[in-house]
Amino acid sequence: MEPKLVTQTAKELYIRALKVLPPDVKAALARAAERERHPRAREILGVMLKNVEVAETRGLLVCQDTGTPVYKLRIGRGLAYDGPALLAAIADGVKQATIEHPLRSSVCHPIDRTNPQTNTGQRIPMIDVEFLEASGYVELKMMPKGSGSENMSFLKMLTPADGLAGIKRFVLECVVNAGGMPCPPTLVGIGLGGTSDLAMKLAKEAIWRPVGSPNPDPAIAALEGELLETINGLGLGPMGLGGDTTALAVQIEYAHTHITQNPVAVTLQCWRGERASARIYPDGRVEHGF
């Protein structure tokens, strides 16, 4: 796998994710605007849709926040690759996108707050590596995680005695406490089980899925639907200013966990639901998607 091709693809994905929303996100926003009963909320959703239209027509960013660059690198069977070179290639793509576009650099040192103006740094971009059952290509996925939504991330180590009621209560508390800060209507990603770090990873994994795609486990899918209905019944609405549409979707991923614990993690993604993906083939072909 040629690192230069990975660099170019990582660069293109970062820029495209910031400018072009996935079709499922736009469709979810349009459906929400159609069924919204509150005039102010309906107007806000209309402004969001117009914002998307203007950005795509003029080649502008949908939002000024370029986020923390998060990538998922998925490697197929039978490919020869240099792992460290691929990771470095993705970071180079982020640097090139930031400097050449240019994009606002939103990444800084956690203590002295120095900003290298490249959207890269220690362990950033965040790159999650997975291995595919399929063979013959590398899949690269990109999500710019904005600060407003990322700041509204939560973890609680529940006990088995807390039960399903405890899970529901915690999720609702997170949404209520977040209010308008994550720029709702949000995608509510939930990670159940595993360990503390795995639960948080699963919550992030959930928001990679297309909006409204149910978990294949019927019990989990039923919980997603129940929580979405309850959250939208809270009346927080778009931007926390009231209305029927507080969330576009609730999506859950889970793992088995220890018999004495039940971790629950919640991460919120803002209304834009930005993401982009590409498949890279050894012959140099690149297929773009979301």
Protein backbone atom coordinates (compact mmCIF):
# COMPACT_ATOMS: atom_id res chain seq x y z
CA MET A 1 0.00 0.00 0.00
CA GLU A 2 1.59 3.24 -1.20
CA PRO A 3 1.89 5.77 1.68
CA LYS A 4 1.61 8.76 -0.69
CA LEU A 5 -1.81 7.56 -1.80
CA VAL A 6 -2.88 7.17 1.83
CA THR A 7 -1.66 10.71 2.58
CA GLN A 8 -3.64 12.15 -0.33
CA THR A 9 -6.75 10.22 0.66
CA ALA A 10 -6.51 11.24 4.32
CA LYS A 11 -6.19 14.86 3.22
CA GLU A 12 -9.20 14.65 0.89
CA LEU A 13 -11.34 12.92 3.52
CA TYR A 14 -10.66 15.58 6.14
CA ILE A 15 -11.68 18.39 3.80
CA ARG A 16 -14.69 16.53 2.38
CA ALA A 17 -16.00 15.59 5.84
CA LEU A 18 -16.01 19.28 6.75
CA LYS A 19 -17.80 20.36 3.55
CA VAL A 20 -20.21 17.61 2.49
CA LEU A 21 -22.64 15.98 4.90
CA PRO A 22 -23.55 12.30 4.51
CA PRO A 23 -26.89 11.76 2.70
CA ASP A 24 -28.36 9.96 5.73
CA VAL A 25 -27.69 12.99 7.94
CA LYS A 26 -29.30 15.40 5.46
CA ALA A 27 -32.31 13.10 5.08
CA ALA A 28 -32.71 12.85 8.87
CA LEU A 29 -32.61 16.65 9.20
CA ALA A 30 -35.18 17.05 6.42
CA ARG A 31 -37.52 14.51 8.06
CA ALA A 32 -37.13 16.27 11.39
CA ALA A 33 -37.98 19.64 9.83
CA GLU A 34 -41.12 18.18 8.23
CA ARG A 35 -42.52 16.72 11.45
CA GLU A 36 -41.38 19.46 13.85
CA ARG A 37 -44.44 21.17 15.40
CA HIS A 38 -42.73 24.15 17.06
CA PRO A 39 -42.23 27.17 14.75
CA ARG A 40 -38.88 28.26 16.22
CA ALA A 41 -37.51 24.72 16.14
CA ARG A 42 -38.71 24.24 12.56
CA GLU A 43 -37.03 27.50 11.58
CA ILE A 44 -33.73 26.42 13.20
CA LEU A 45 -33.80 23.10 11.34
CA GLY A 46 -34.48 25.00 8.13
CA VAL A 47 -31.46 27.22 8.75
CA MET A 48 -29.33 24.11 9.31
CA LEU A 49 -30.45 22.65 5.99
CA LYS A 50 -29.81 25.96 4.22
CA ASN A 51 -26.36 26.10 5.82
CA VAL A 52 -25.58 22.67 4.37
CA GLU A 53 -26.84 23.71 0.93
CA VAL A 54 -24.76 26.91 0.87
CA ALA A 55 -21.63 25.09 2.08
CA GLU A 56 -21.90 22.41 -0.59
CA THR A 57 -22.75 24.87 -3.37
CA ARG A 58 -19.90 27.25 -2.56
CA GLY A 59 -17.35 24.70 -1.37
CA LEU A 60 -17.32 26.08 2.18
CA LEU A 61 -17.02 24.38 5.55
CA VAL A 62 -20.37 23.53 7.13
CA CYS A 63 -19.02 24.76 10.50
CA GLN A 64 -16.01 26.77 11.61
CA ASP A 65 -14.96 24.00 14.05
CA THR A 66 -12.53 21.71 12.24
CA GLY A 67 -12.62 19.37 15.23
CA THR A 68 -10.12 16.83 16.43
CA PRO A 69 -9.25 14.62 13.43
CA VAL A 70 -10.29 11.02 14.11
CA TYR A 71 -9.57 8.24 11.62
CA LYS A 72 -10.44 4.58 11.41
CA LEU A 73 -7.92 2.52 9.40
CA ARG A 74 -9.33 -0.87 8.40
CA ILE A 75 -6.92 -3.24 6.68
CA GLY A 76 -8.10 -6.11 4.52
CA ARG A 77 -6.70 -9.62 4.35
CA GLY A 78 -3.69 -10.45 2.23
CA LEU A 79 -2.28 -6.94 1.89
CA ALA A 80 1.39 -6.11 2.29
CA TYR A 81 1.70 -2.93 4.33
CA ASP A 82 4.05 -0.99 6.60
CA GLY A 83 1.98 -0.12 9.68
CA PRO A 84 4.05 2.80 11.01
CA ALA A 85 4.30 4.24 7.49
CA LEU A 86 0.51 4.15 7.10
CA LEU A 87 -0.01 5.96 10.41
CA ALA A 88 2.56 8.60 9.46
CA ALA A 89 0.90 8.97 6.05
CA ILE A 90 -2.46 9.75 7.65
CA ALA A 91 -0.88 12.38 9.91
CA ASP A 92 0.82 13.92 6.87
CA GLY A 93 -2.56 14.12 5.16
CA VAL A 94 -3.99 16.03 8.12
CA LYS A 95 -1.05 18.45 8.05
CA GLN A 96 -1.41 19.02 4.31
CA ALA A 97 -5.15 19.62 4.56
CA THR A 98 -4.66 22.11 7.40
CA ILE A 99 -1.82 24.06 5.81
CA GLU A 100 -2.80 23.96 2.14
CA HIS A 101 -6.59 24.44 2.32
CA PRO A 102 -6.10 26.13 4.84
CA LEU A 103 -8.12 24.89 7.82
CA ARG A 104 -8.27 26.30 11.32
CA SER A 105 -5.93 24.36 13.59
CA SER A 106 -7.94 23.24 16.61
CA VAL A 107 -5.30 21.00 18.22
CA CYS A 108 -3.00 22.17 21.02
CA HIS A 109 -0.85 20.90 23.92
CA PRO A 110 -3.04 20.05 26.96
CA ILE A 111 -0.89 21.99 29.46
CA ASP A 112 0.79 24.98 27.82
CA ARG A 113 -1.88 25.21 25.03
CA THR A 114 0.69 25.77 22.28
CA ASN A 115 -0.83 25.16 18.85
CA PRO A 116 1.42 23.72 16.10
CA GLN A 117 -1.06 24.98 13.47
CA THR A 118 -1.19 21.56 11.81
CA ASN A 119 -4.09 19.81 13.61
CA THR A 120 -1.55 17.16 14.60
CA GLY A 121 0.44 16.46 17.75
CA GLN A 122 1.10 13.79 20.35
CA ARG A 123 -1.22 10.88 19.43
CA ILE A 124 -3.27 13.17 17.17
CA PRO A 125 -4.75 12.47 14.68
CA MET A 126 -6.43 9.73 16.64
CA ILE A 127 -6.20 6.59 14.50
CA ASP A 128 -8.07 3.39 15.35
CA VAL A 129 -6.73 0.35 13.49
CA GLU A 130 -8.93 -2.64 12.66
CA PHE A 131 -8.65 -5.67 10.40
CA LEU A 132 -11.30 -6.56 7.82
CA GLU A 133 -12.63 -9.99 6.96
CA ALA A 134 -12.71 -8.82 3.34
CA SER A 135 -9.52 -8.82 1.30
CA GLY A 136 -7.92 -6.61 -1.30
CA TYR A 137 -8.34 -3.08 0.03
CA VAL A 138 -7.77 -0.66 2.88
CA GLU A 139 -10.72 1.33 4.18
CA LEU A 140 -10.02 4.76 5.65
CA LYS A 141 -12.79 6.56 7.53
CA MET A 142 -12.62 10.11 8.88
CA MET A 143 -14.62 12.01 11.49
CA PRO A 144 -13.79 15.57 12.64
CA LYS A 145 -15.00 15.50 16.27
CA GLY A 146 -16.07 19.00 17.24
CA SER A 147 -15.44 20.38 20.70
CA GLY A 148 -19.04 21.27 21.52
CA SER A 149 -20.15 17.67 21.21
CA GLU A 150 -16.93 16.01 22.42
CA ASN A 151 -17.08 18.01 25.66
CA MET A 152 -20.43 16.32 26.24
CA SER A 153 -19.00 12.82 26.70
CA PHE A 154 -19.84 10.82 29.80
CA LEU A 155 -18.91 7.54 31.51
CA LYS A 156 -20.49 5.80 34.48
CA MET A 157 -19.54 2.49 36.03
CA LEU A 158 -22.95 1.07 36.84
CA THR A 159 -23.46 -2.12 38.80
CA PRO A 160 -25.63 -5.04 37.70
CA ALA A 161 -28.12 -4.00 40.40
CA ASP A 162 -28.73 -0.72 38.54
CA GLY A 163 -30.25 -2.77 35.75
CA LEU A 164 -31.78 -1.49 32.54
CA ALA A 165 -33.49 1.32 34.44
CA GLY A 166 -30.09 2.60 35.55
CA ILE A 167 -28.82 2.64 31.97
CA LYS A 168 -31.86 4.60 30.76
CA ARG A 169 -31.66 7.05 33.65
CA PHE A 170 -27.96 7.77 33.05
CA VAL A 171 -28.45 8.35 29.31
CA LEU A 172 -31.31 10.76 29.92
CA GLU A 173 -29.31 12.61 32.58
CA CYS A 174 -26.46 13.05 30.07
CA VAL A 175 -28.76 14.51 27.41
CA VAL A 176 -30.48 16.85 29.87
CA ASN A 177 -27.21 18.04 31.41
CA ALA A 178 -25.73 18.65 27.95
CA GLY A 179 -28.68 20.86 26.99
CA GLY A 180 -27.88 22.98 23.95
CA MET A 181 -24.09 22.75 24.28
CA PRO A 182 -23.55 19.91 21.75
CA CYS A 183 -25.65 21.75 19.13
CA PRO A 184 -28.68 19.46 18.99
CA PRO A 185 -30.35 17.68 17.37
CA THR A 186 -27.59 15.22 18.17
CA LEU A 187 -26.60 11.69 17.38
CA VAL A 188 -26.53 9.93 20.75
CA GLY A 189 -23.84 7.26 20.79
CA ILE A 190 -23.96 4.75 23.65
CA GLY A 191 -21.42 2.11 24.61
CA LEU A 192 -22.56 -0.67 26.93
CA GLY A 193 -20.37 -3.19 28.73
CA GLY A 194 -16.71 -4.06 28.37
CA THR A 195 -14.33 -2.02 30.49
CA SER A 196 -14.31 1.74 31.03
CA ASP A 197 -12.11 2.43 28.00
CA LEU A 198 -13.95 -0.06 25.79
CA ALA A 199 -17.35 1.41 26.70
CA MET A 200 -16.17 4.85 25.60
CA LYS A 201 -14.77 3.41 22.39
CA LEU A 202 -18.07 1.66 21.69
CA ALA A 203 -20.00 4.91 22.16
CA LYS A 204 -17.79 6.47 19.49
CA GLU A 205 -18.19 3.38 17.31
CA ALA A 206 -21.95 3.85 17.43
CA ILE A 207 -21.84 7.31 15.85
CA TRP A 208 -19.83 6.03 12.87
CA ARG A 209 -22.97 4.18 11.77
CA PRO A 210 -25.40 5.82 9.31
CA VAL A 211 -28.07 7.81 11.11
CA GLY A 212 -30.95 5.62 12.24
CA SER A 213 -29.35 2.28 11.34
CA PRO A 214 -30.53 -0.08 14.10
CA ASN A 215 -28.26 -2.42 15.99
CA PRO A 216 -28.66 -5.98 14.61
CA ASP A 217 -29.46 -7.27 18.11
CA PRO A 218 -33.27 -6.93 18.46
CA ALA A 219 -33.12 -6.12 22.19
CA ILE A 220 -30.52 -3.40 21.63
CA ALA A 221 -32.46 -2.02 18.66
CA ALA A 222 -35.60 -1.83 20.80
CA LEU A 223 -33.68 0.09 23.47
CA GLU A 224 -32.39 2.51 20.81
CA GLY A 225 -35.94 3.22 19.68
CA GLU A 226 -37.28 3.62 23.19
CA LEU A 227 -34.51 6.03 24.20
CA LEU A 228 -34.94 8.10 21.03
CA GLU A 229 -38.65 8.52 21.70
CA THR A 230 -38.02 9.45 25.34
CA ILE A 231 -35.22 11.91 24.50
CA ASN A 232 -37.33 13.66 21.88
CA GLY A 233 -40.12 13.87 24.43
CA LEU A 234 -37.92 15.97 26.72
CA GLY A 235 -38.66 19.09 24.68
CA LEU A 236 -35.07 20.39 24.58
CA GLY A 237 -35.27 20.74 20.81
CA PRO A 238 -32.83 22.14 18.24
CA MET A 239 -29.99 24.11 19.84
CA GLY A 240 -31.69 23.53 23.22
CA LEU A 241 -34.32 26.19 22.46
CA GLY A 242 -37.35 23.92 22.62
CA GLY A 243 -39.04 21.59 20.18
CA ASP A 244 -39.72 17.99 19.25
CA THR A 245 -36.27 17.22 17.82
CA THR A 246 -33.57 16.81 20.46
CA ALA A 247 -31.89 13.81 18.78
CA LEU A 248 -31.79 12.50 15.23
CA ALA A 249 -30.87 9.00 16.38
CA VAL A 250 -29.81 6.90 19.35
CA GLN A 251 -27.27 4.25 18.40
CA ILE A 252 -25.79 1.63 20.72
CA GLU A 253 -22.82 -0.73 20.53
CA TYR A 254 -22.13 -3.26 23.25
CA ALA A 255 -19.61 -5.77 24.57
CA HIS A 256 -19.80 -8.48 27.18
CA THR A 257 -18.59 -7.32 30.56
CA HIS A 258 -17.54 -8.53 34.02
CA ILE A 259 -20.22 -10.13 36.18
CA THR A 260 -19.84 -7.40 38.84
CA GLN A 261 -20.00 -4.31 36.61
CA ASN A 262 -21.88 -2.65 33.77
CA PRO A 263 -20.08 0.36 32.27
CA VAL A 264 -22.15 2.84 30.25
CA ALA A 265 -20.60 5.55 28.07
CA VAL A 266 -22.39 8.31 26.18
CA THR A 267 -20.98 10.55 23.47
CA LEU A 268 -22.96 13.13 21.56
CA GLN A 269 -22.34 14.15 17.97
CA CYS A 270 -23.67 17.51 16.79
CA TRP A 271 -26.38 17.85 14.16
CA ARG A 272 -23.85 17.79 11.30
CA GLY A 273 -22.85 14.15 11.85
CA GLU A 274 -19.72 14.73 9.78
CA ARG A 275 -17.87 11.72 8.40
CA ALA A 276 -16.29 10.53 5.15
CA SER A 277 -14.69 7.29 3.97
CA ALA A 278 -12.72 5.76 1.12
CA ARG A 279 -11.54 2.36 -0.04
CA ILE A 280 -7.96 2.29 -1.29
CA TYR A 281 -6.87 -0.54 -3.59
CA PRO A 282 -3.29 -1.71 -4.27
CA ASP A 283 -3.63 -0.72 -7.95
CA GLY A 284 -4.16 2.92 -6.94
CA ARG A 285 -7.94 3.07 -7.26
CA VAL A 286 -9.79 5.05 -4.59
CA GLU A 287 -13.55 4.77 -4.07
CA HIS A 288 -15.08 7.53 -1.93
CA GLY A 289 -18.14 7.24 0.25
CA PHE A 290 -19.43 8.08 3.70
